[in-house]
Amino acid sequence: MQKPNIAVITGGHSGEYEIAVQSGENIYAQLDKARFNVFLILMKGNSWSYRRETGETVEVDKNDFSLPLPQGRVRFDAVFIAIHGTPGENGKLQGYFDMLGIPYVGCKADISALTFNKHLCNTYLKAYDVRMTDAVHLYRHEKADPDALIACLGLPCFVKPCGSGSSVGVTKVKRAEDLQAAMEEAFVYDEELLVERFVPGRELACGVVALNRQPQVIAITEICPKKDFFDYEAKYQSGLSDEITPADIPAALQKQCEEESLRIYKALGCSGIVRIDYIANETGLYFIEVNTIPGQTSGSIVPKQLAYRGWSFSELCTKLLEETLAQPSPGGK
């Protein structure tokens, strides 16, 4: 029986490019080459390329996402998307594969688009009574009054681009005179932003995965940044944060976090591996965001959670691919 052809596509167009490449390379290394023919595809700008063992670079034919190699054209049976940020986490790439009828691991296009936009995701989840901090949503073309925002939300507060991950463009504002600059920084990365009330507490990250269509919690990690907050540098530079798995939290809080994460995962209709982040304090559990393509490098939170559970990352990736291949075609073919 011929092995399925699998594309692991990585890179992308965002400030998370380097981390995405590391995630993609790790997924590529973990996939069972005895079961799959695996091709690592690098997306950088308009170039979607595959590097052959000879060192030659071959461009993907974007008309049908095939690979024209000397020995014959490779057509892909499924895709493992390993792009953080645009276009892999916001639904754009998923929509492209849907039109071509090529199945992929993870959340569908509409769910990815919804969860990637922090404002839309928050608005949707409020209908499910998910608790979150107060926030004001602004578009670039709107004139904002910093004094009015501070009167509404207080200081410190967070300014976040609506469509950005890994804390890219996020600022913790402590002084009123810094708010305008923080908003301008966020607008560099997106057309809309959120200004959020600061909630003190412990930061928790809960990994969730669905196998055989049954969502289950992987583990909960407590994130203890050594900087002012868990920004891009603290996320990816060694020694700037402690990530404790399993989180040393009361049993009641663990149960609440697990149940809420499963409820959010199901309410959104997520698929594959997802990480859901919270702030927890004496008043309760506050939702921060959903990561539908969380970091999957060897040092990322979810792989560490899998190791704690005694789950093989390689076997999990293989299982997710096998389930993806067994699903009906998303259309187009």
Protein backbone atom coordinates (compact mmCIF):
# COMPACT_ATOMS: atom_id res chain seq x y z
CA MET A 1 0.00 0.00 0.00
CA GLN A 2 1.36 3.40 -0.99
CA LYS A 3 2.17 5.72 1.90
CA PRO A 4 0.17 8.97 2.07
CA ASN A 5 1.98 12.15 1.07
CA ILE A 6 1.95 14.65 3.93
CA ALA A 7 2.94 18.32 3.78
CA VAL A 8 4.12 20.03 6.96
CA ILE A 9 3.79 23.71 6.08
CA THR A 10 5.57 26.25 8.24
CA GLY A 11 6.91 29.81 8.26
CA GLY A 12 4.24 32.36 7.44
CA HIS A 13 3.93 36.13 7.29
CA SER A 14 3.97 37.24 10.92
CA GLY A 15 6.39 38.13 13.69
CA GLU A 16 6.10 34.51 14.82
CA TYR A 17 7.91 33.24 11.70
CA GLU A 18 11.02 31.90 13.44
CA ILE A 19 9.05 30.06 16.13
CA ALA A 20 6.74 28.60 13.48
CA VAL A 21 9.75 27.23 11.60
CA GLN A 22 10.98 25.58 14.80
CA SER A 23 7.53 24.07 15.40
CA GLY A 24 7.34 22.83 11.82
CA GLU A 25 10.78 21.27 11.95
CA ASN A 26 9.91 19.52 15.21
CA ILE A 27 6.63 18.15 13.80
CA TYR A 28 8.46 17.00 10.67
CA ALA A 29 11.04 15.21 12.83
CA GLN A 30 8.34 13.57 14.95
CA LEU A 31 6.16 12.21 12.14
CA ASP A 32 6.54 8.50 11.43
CA LYS A 33 8.36 8.27 8.10
CA ALA A 34 7.53 4.54 7.95
CA ARG A 35 3.83 5.49 7.65
CA PHE A 36 4.02 8.74 5.69
CA ASN A 37 6.00 10.42 2.94
CA VAL A 38 6.62 13.74 4.68
CA PHE A 39 7.61 17.00 2.94
CA LEU A 40 8.54 20.15 4.87
CA ILE A 41 7.18 23.18 3.00
CA LEU A 42 8.53 26.62 3.93
CA MET A 43 6.30 29.63 3.37
CA LYS A 44 8.12 32.96 3.24
CA GLY A 45 6.45 35.82 1.41
CA ASN A 46 5.18 34.58 -1.94
CA SER A 47 7.58 31.65 -1.92
CA TRP A 48 6.25 28.24 -0.85
CA SER A 49 9.21 25.95 -1.27
CA TYR A 50 10.54 22.47 -0.59
CA ARG A 51 14.25 21.78 -0.26
CA ARG A 52 15.31 18.48 -1.76
CA GLU A 53 18.05 16.32 -0.26
CA THR A 54 20.30 17.56 -3.07
CA GLY A 55 19.89 21.11 -1.74
CA GLU A 56 17.78 22.20 -4.70
CA THR A 57 14.72 24.31 -3.87
CA VAL A 58 11.45 23.45 -5.61
CA GLU A 59 8.49 25.84 -5.58
CA VAL A 60 5.02 24.54 -4.76
CA ASP A 61 2.45 24.87 -7.53
CA LYS A 62 -0.16 26.99 -5.72
CA ASN A 63 -2.82 26.16 -8.32
CA ASP A 64 -3.34 22.75 -6.71
CA PHE A 65 -0.73 22.67 -3.89
CA SER A 66 1.37 20.07 -5.65
CA LEU A 67 5.13 19.67 -5.84
CA PRO A 68 6.67 19.28 -9.32
CA LEU A 69 9.68 17.04 -8.68
CA PRO A 70 11.92 15.46 -11.37
CA GLN A 71 10.63 11.97 -10.51
CA GLY A 72 7.01 13.11 -10.81
CA ARG A 73 4.47 15.52 -9.39
CA VAL A 74 3.67 15.00 -5.70
CA ARG A 75 0.06 15.52 -4.70
CA PHE A 76 -0.70 15.74 -1.00
CA ASP A 77 -3.20 13.61 0.89
CA ALA A 78 -3.18 15.81 4.00
CA VAL A 79 -1.46 18.84 5.51
CA PHE A 80 -0.10 19.51 8.99
CA ILE A 81 -0.24 23.29 9.41
CA ALA A 82 2.56 24.59 11.64
CA ILE A 83 2.23 28.35 11.15
CA HIS A 84 1.63 30.62 14.14
CA GLY A 85 -0.12 33.82 13.15
CA THR A 86 -1.08 34.63 9.58
CA PRO A 87 -1.96 32.84 7.33
CA GLY A 88 -1.93 29.55 9.25
CA GLU A 89 -3.78 30.42 12.44
CA ASN A 90 -6.39 32.85 11.15
CA GLY A 91 -8.22 30.57 8.73
CA LYS A 92 -6.77 31.86 5.45
CA LEU A 93 -4.66 28.80 4.70
CA GLN A 94 -7.43 26.48 5.89
CA GLY A 95 -9.84 28.12 3.44
CA TYR A 96 -7.35 27.57 0.62
CA PHE A 97 -7.06 23.87 1.45
CA ASP A 98 -10.84 23.58 1.79
CA MET A 99 -11.25 24.88 -1.76
CA LEU A 100 -8.71 22.36 -3.02
CA GLY A 101 -10.29 19.52 -1.06
CA ILE A 102 -7.10 18.74 0.88
CA PRO A 103 -7.72 17.78 4.53
CA TYR A 104 -5.57 19.28 7.28
CA VAL A 105 -4.91 18.77 10.98
CA GLY A 106 -6.54 21.23 13.37
CA CYS A 107 -9.37 23.74 13.49
CA LYS A 108 -11.42 24.56 10.41
CA ALA A 109 -11.26 27.88 8.58
CA ASP A 110 -14.20 29.59 10.27
CA ILE A 111 -13.14 28.51 13.76
CA SER A 112 -9.56 29.62 13.13
CA ALA A 113 -10.72 33.04 11.92
CA LEU A 114 -13.01 33.46 14.91
CA THR A 115 -10.49 32.44 17.56
CA PHE A 116 -7.61 34.43 16.06
CA ASN A 117 -9.49 37.72 16.39
CA LYS A 118 -9.49 38.41 20.14
CA HIS A 119 -12.50 40.73 19.99
CA LEU A 120 -14.66 38.36 17.94
CA CYS A 121 -13.67 35.38 20.08
CA ASN A 122 -14.46 37.22 23.30
CA THR A 123 -17.81 38.40 21.94
CA TYR A 124 -18.72 34.85 20.91
CA LEU A 125 -17.69 33.29 24.22
CA LYS A 126 -19.61 35.86 26.27
CA ALA A 127 -22.76 34.18 24.97
CA TYR A 128 -21.54 31.07 26.83
CA ASP A 129 -20.96 33.09 30.03
CA VAL A 130 -17.19 32.68 29.84
CA ARG A 131 -15.68 35.08 32.35
CA MET A 132 -13.14 37.60 31.05
CA THR A 133 -11.83 41.03 31.91
CA ASP A 134 -13.39 44.29 30.71
CA ALA A 135 -12.09 45.60 27.41
CA VAL A 136 -12.63 48.35 24.83
CA HIS A 137 -12.40 47.48 21.12
CA LEU A 138 -11.04 50.06 18.68
CA TYR A 139 -10.42 50.24 14.93
CA ARG A 140 -7.46 52.14 13.48
CA HIS A 141 -9.72 54.78 11.90
CA GLU A 142 -11.48 55.57 15.20
CA LYS A 143 -10.30 58.46 17.33
CA ALA A 144 -9.57 57.21 20.83
CA ASP A 145 -9.53 59.31 23.99
CA PRO A 146 -6.75 57.92 26.21
CA ASP A 147 -8.11 59.70 29.28
CA ALA A 148 -11.55 58.17 28.77
CA LEU A 149 -10.02 54.71 28.29
CA ILE A 150 -8.07 55.01 31.53
CA ALA A 151 -11.14 56.28 33.38
CA CYS A 152 -13.01 53.18 32.13
CA LEU A 153 -10.34 50.51 32.54
CA GLY A 154 -7.80 51.92 34.99
CA LEU A 155 -4.05 51.47 35.11
CA PRO A 156 -2.17 49.33 34.49
CA CYS A 157 -3.95 48.04 31.40
CA PHE A 158 -3.01 45.92 28.39
CA VAL A 159 -3.10 47.01 24.75
CA LYS A 160 -3.28 44.12 22.28
CA PRO A 161 -3.66 43.79 18.52
CA CYS A 162 -6.80 41.75 17.88
CA GLY A 163 -5.09 39.49 15.35
CA SER A 164 -1.65 38.66 16.68
CA GLY A 165 -0.09 35.87 18.70
CA SER A 166 2.95 35.29 20.93
CA SER A 167 2.32 38.70 22.55
CA VAL A 168 3.59 40.44 19.40
CA GLY A 169 2.56 44.11 19.62
CA VAL A 170 1.25 43.73 23.19
CA THR A 171 2.08 46.42 25.77
CA LYS A 172 1.41 46.61 29.48
CA VAL A 173 0.67 50.29 30.07
CA LYS A 174 1.43 51.67 33.54
CA ARG A 175 1.42 55.41 32.86
CA ALA A 176 -1.29 57.46 31.18
CA GLU A 177 1.24 59.19 28.93
CA ASP A 178 2.27 55.79 27.44
CA LEU A 179 -1.18 54.68 26.29
CA GLN A 180 -1.21 56.47 22.92
CA ALA A 181 2.19 55.03 21.94
CA ALA A 182 1.04 51.55 22.97
CA MET A 183 -2.02 51.84 20.72
CA GLU A 184 0.13 53.01 17.83
CA GLU A 185 2.40 50.00 18.38
CA ALA A 186 -0.57 47.61 18.33
CA PHE A 187 -1.87 49.16 15.11
CA VAL A 188 1.42 48.29 13.41
CA TYR A 189 0.28 44.64 13.56
CA ASP A 190 -3.48 44.89 12.99
CA GLU A 191 -6.31 47.19 12.00
CA GLU A 192 -8.05 46.71 15.35
CA LEU A 193 -7.03 46.37 18.97
CA LEU A 194 -8.27 45.75 22.49
CA VAL A 195 -7.50 47.82 25.56
CA GLU A 196 -8.05 45.47 28.51
CA ARG A 197 -8.39 46.00 32.23
CA PHE A 198 -5.44 44.43 34.07
CA VAL A 199 -6.32 41.41 36.20
CA PRO A 200 -3.69 40.34 38.73
CA GLY A 201 -3.23 36.64 39.36
CA ARG A 202 -1.56 33.42 38.26
CA GLU A 203 -1.30 32.68 34.54
CA LEU A 204 -2.45 29.20 33.55
CA ALA A 205 -2.26 27.42 30.19
CA CYS A 206 -4.45 24.38 29.59
CA GLY A 207 -3.72 22.05 26.69
CA VAL A 208 -6.66 20.25 25.09
CA VAL A 209 -6.75 17.71 22.26
CA ALA A 210 -9.56 15.78 20.59
CA LEU A 211 -8.93 12.13 19.69
CA ASN A 212 -11.70 10.12 18.06
CA ARG A 213 -13.69 13.37 18.27
CA GLN A 214 -13.52 13.28 22.09
CA PRO A 215 -11.84 16.37 23.63
CA GLN A 216 -9.62 15.72 26.63
CA VAL A 217 -7.35 17.85 28.77
CA ILE A 218 -3.63 17.21 28.40
CA ALA A 219 -2.41 19.17 31.43
CA ILE A 220 -2.36 22.61 33.06
CA THR A 221 0.86 24.65 33.17
CA GLU A 222 1.49 27.68 35.37
CA ILE A 223 3.50 30.38 33.64
CA CYS A 224 5.71 32.48 35.90
CA PRO A 225 7.42 35.20 33.82
CA LYS A 226 10.48 36.87 35.28
CA LYS A 227 9.64 39.99 33.31
CA ASP A 228 6.67 42.27 33.85
CA PHE A 229 4.45 39.92 31.82
CA PHE A 230 4.72 36.91 29.49
CA ASP A 231 5.82 38.87 26.43
CA TYR A 232 7.49 37.56 23.26
CA GLU A 233 10.97 37.64 24.82
CA ALA A 234 9.80 35.84 27.98
CA LYS A 235 8.05 33.22 25.86
CA TYR A 236 11.03 32.29 23.74
CA GLN A 237 14.25 33.34 25.49
CA SER A 238 15.55 30.74 27.92
CA GLY A 239 15.59 31.75 31.57
CA LEU A 240 13.00 34.54 31.37
CA SER A 241 10.09 32.46 32.61
CA ASP A 242 9.34 29.36 34.63
CA GLU A 243 6.72 27.01 33.20
CA ILE A 244 5.53 24.58 35.84
CA THR A 245 3.76 21.42 34.68
CA PRO A 246 1.57 20.32 36.31
CA ALA A 247 0.54 23.63 37.83
CA ASP A 248 0.71 23.54 41.62
CA ILE A 249 -2.83 24.79 42.15
CA PRO A 250 -5.71 23.75 44.44
CA ALA A 251 -7.73 20.77 43.26
CA ALA A 252 -10.87 22.89 42.95
CA LEU A 253 -9.12 25.37 40.64
CA GLN A 254 -7.66 22.53 38.57
CA LYS A 255 -11.12 21.03 38.14
CA GLN A 256 -12.60 24.41 37.19
CA CYS A 257 -9.84 25.10 34.67
CA GLU A 258 -10.16 21.67 33.07
CA GLU A 259 -13.96 21.83 32.85
CA GLU A 260 -13.94 25.39 31.47
CA SER A 261 -11.31 24.49 28.87
CA LEU A 262 -13.35 21.54 27.63
CA ARG A 263 -16.46 23.71 27.56
CA ILE A 264 -14.70 26.41 25.50
CA TYR A 265 -13.14 23.85 23.15
CA LYS A 266 -16.57 22.33 22.46
CA ALA A 267 -18.38 25.68 22.25
CA LEU A 268 -15.96 26.89 19.59
CA GLY A 269 -15.96 23.60 17.70
CA CYS A 270 -12.17 23.23 17.90
CA SER A 271 -10.17 20.33 16.47
CA GLY A 272 -6.67 19.00 17.07
CA ILE A 273 -4.33 20.47 19.68
CA VAL A 274 -5.39 23.75 21.31
CA ARG A 275 -4.06 25.73 24.26
CA ILE A 276 -6.39 27.95 26.31
CA ASP A 277 -4.90 30.62 28.60
CA TYR A 278 -6.30 32.14 31.79
CA ILE A 279 -5.57 34.38 34.76
CA ALA A 280 -6.67 32.89 38.10
CA ASN A 281 -7.04 34.80 41.36
CA GLU A 282 -9.19 34.77 44.49
CA THR A 283 -12.19 36.12 42.55
CA GLY A 284 -12.17 33.40 39.90
CA LEU A 285 -10.83 32.26 36.54
CA TYR A 286 -10.52 34.80 33.71
CA PHE A 287 -10.24 33.70 30.08
CA ILE A 288 -7.39 35.31 28.10
CA GLU A 289 -7.26 33.65 24.68
CA VAL A 290 -7.36 30.48 22.59
CA ASN A 291 -4.29 29.31 20.67
CA THR A 292 -5.41 26.98 17.88
CA ILE A 293 -1.84 26.32 16.70
CA PRO A 294 0.17 26.55 19.91
CA GLY A 295 3.95 26.33 19.95
CA GLN A 296 5.13 22.81 19.17
CA THR A 297 8.89 23.14 19.50
CA SER A 298 10.68 20.79 21.88
CA GLY A 299 10.66 23.58 24.47
CA SER A 300 7.02 24.65 24.01
CA ILE A 301 4.33 24.27 26.64
CA VAL A 302 2.13 21.64 24.95
CA PRO A 303 4.96 19.16 24.17
CA LYS A 304 6.08 19.50 27.80
CA GLN A 305 2.52 18.79 28.92
CA LEU A 306 2.46 15.69 26.73
CA ALA A 307 5.76 14.53 28.25
CA TYR A 308 4.32 14.99 31.75
CA ARG A 309 1.34 12.83 30.81
CA GLY A 310 3.66 10.20 29.36
CA TRP A 311 2.20 10.73 25.89
CA SER A 312 4.44 10.50 22.85
CA PHE A 313 4.34 13.67 20.74
CA SER A 314 5.28 11.54 17.73
CA GLU A 315 2.40 9.11 18.31
CA LEU A 316 -0.05 11.96 18.90
CA CYS A 317 0.93 13.69 15.63
CA THR A 318 0.58 10.37 13.81
CA LYS A 319 -2.84 9.76 15.37
CA LEU A 320 -4.07 13.24 14.42
CA LEU A 321 -2.92 12.71 10.84
CA GLU A 322 -4.56 9.29 10.62
CA GLU A 323 -7.85 10.75 11.86
CA THR A 324 -7.54 13.61 9.36
CA LEU A 325 -6.94 11.19 6.48
CA ALA A 326 -9.98 9.14 7.53
CA GLN A 327 -12.33 12.13 7.40
CA PRO A 328 -14.45 12.91 4.35
CA SER A 329 -12.89 15.34 1.92
CA PRO A 330 -13.67 19.00 2.83
CA GLY A 331 -14.83 19.58 -0.74
CA GLY A 332 -13.32 20.56 -4.02
CA LYS A 333 -12.29 17.03 -5.11
